Protein backbone atom coordinates (compact mmCIF):
# COMPACT_ATOMS: atom_id res chain seq x y z
CA MET A 1 -3.71 -9.76 -17.38
CA ARG A 2 -0.28 -8.72 -16.06
CA ILE A 3 0.13 -8.95 -12.40
CA ALA A 4 3.01 -7.46 -10.29
CA LEU A 5 3.93 -8.69 -6.88
CA ALA A 6 5.01 -6.08 -4.72
CA ALA A 7 7.29 -8.02 -2.24
CA LEU A 8 8.56 -4.79 -0.46
CA GLY A 9 9.75 -4.02 2.98
CA PHE A 10 7.50 -2.48 5.40
CA LYS A 11 7.86 -0.92 8.89
CA ASN A 12 5.60 -1.68 11.79
CA GLN A 13 3.45 0.95 13.10
CA ASP A 14 5.03 3.64 10.46
CA VAL A 15 1.86 4.32 8.39
CA VAL A 16 3.33 7.04 6.50
CA TYR A 17 6.39 5.11 5.38
CA ASN A 18 4.14 2.21 4.25
CA LYS A 19 1.76 4.51 2.44
CA ASP A 20 4.59 5.94 0.63
CA VAL A 21 5.81 2.49 -0.43
CA ILE A 22 2.55 1.64 -1.67
CA ILE A 23 1.96 4.62 -3.72
CA ASN A 24 5.60 4.36 -5.29
CA ALA A 25 4.98 0.82 -6.21
CA LEU A 26 1.66 1.75 -7.86
CA LYS A 27 3.44 4.47 -9.73
CA LYS A 28 6.32 2.30 -10.92
CA TYR A 29 4.21 -0.63 -11.99
CA SER A 30 1.43 1.40 -13.53
CA THR A 31 2.29 0.95 -17.02
CA LYS A 32 3.86 -2.28 -16.75
CA ALA A 33 1.00 -4.27 -14.70
CA ASP A 34 -2.72 -4.46 -14.67
CA MET A 35 -2.82 -5.01 -11.05
CA VAL A 36 -0.13 -4.90 -8.26
CA VAL A 37 -0.52 -7.14 -5.52
CA PHE A 38 1.02 -6.52 -1.89
CA GLY A 39 1.44 -8.62 1.00
CA GLU A 40 -0.89 -8.98 3.84
CA SER A 41 1.27 -6.60 6.22
CA PHE A 42 0.48 -4.01 3.62
CA TYR A 43 -3.19 -4.74 3.76
CA LYS A 44 -3.20 -4.37 7.53
CA ALA A 45 -1.52 -0.95 7.11
CA SER A 46 -4.22 0.05 4.66
CA ILE A 47 -7.02 -0.72 7.27
CA ARG A 48 -5.26 1.24 9.71
CA LEU A 49 -5.14 4.35 7.34
CA CYS A 50 -9.00 3.95 6.55
CA LEU A 51 -9.70 4.17 10.39
CA ILE A 52 -7.40 7.21 10.62
CA ALA A 53 -9.13 8.69 7.78
CA LYS A 54 -12.52 8.19 9.40
CA LYS A 55 -11.30 9.82 12.64
CA ILE A 56 -10.13 12.83 10.93
CA LYS A 57 -13.44 13.27 8.97
CA LYS A 58 -15.27 13.50 12.11
């Protein structure tokens, strides 16, 4: 299994920017790695994205 460590910068409270960084990294490494691992800060941002999506669906 090939794993890519995405040690990338993030911006606090900027969900759109962080989402774009994640998407771009996944596209970049999709043919080079089986899994892309992001830092804890991106994990926190994804939780926030899920909460925002739930509010939008209501």
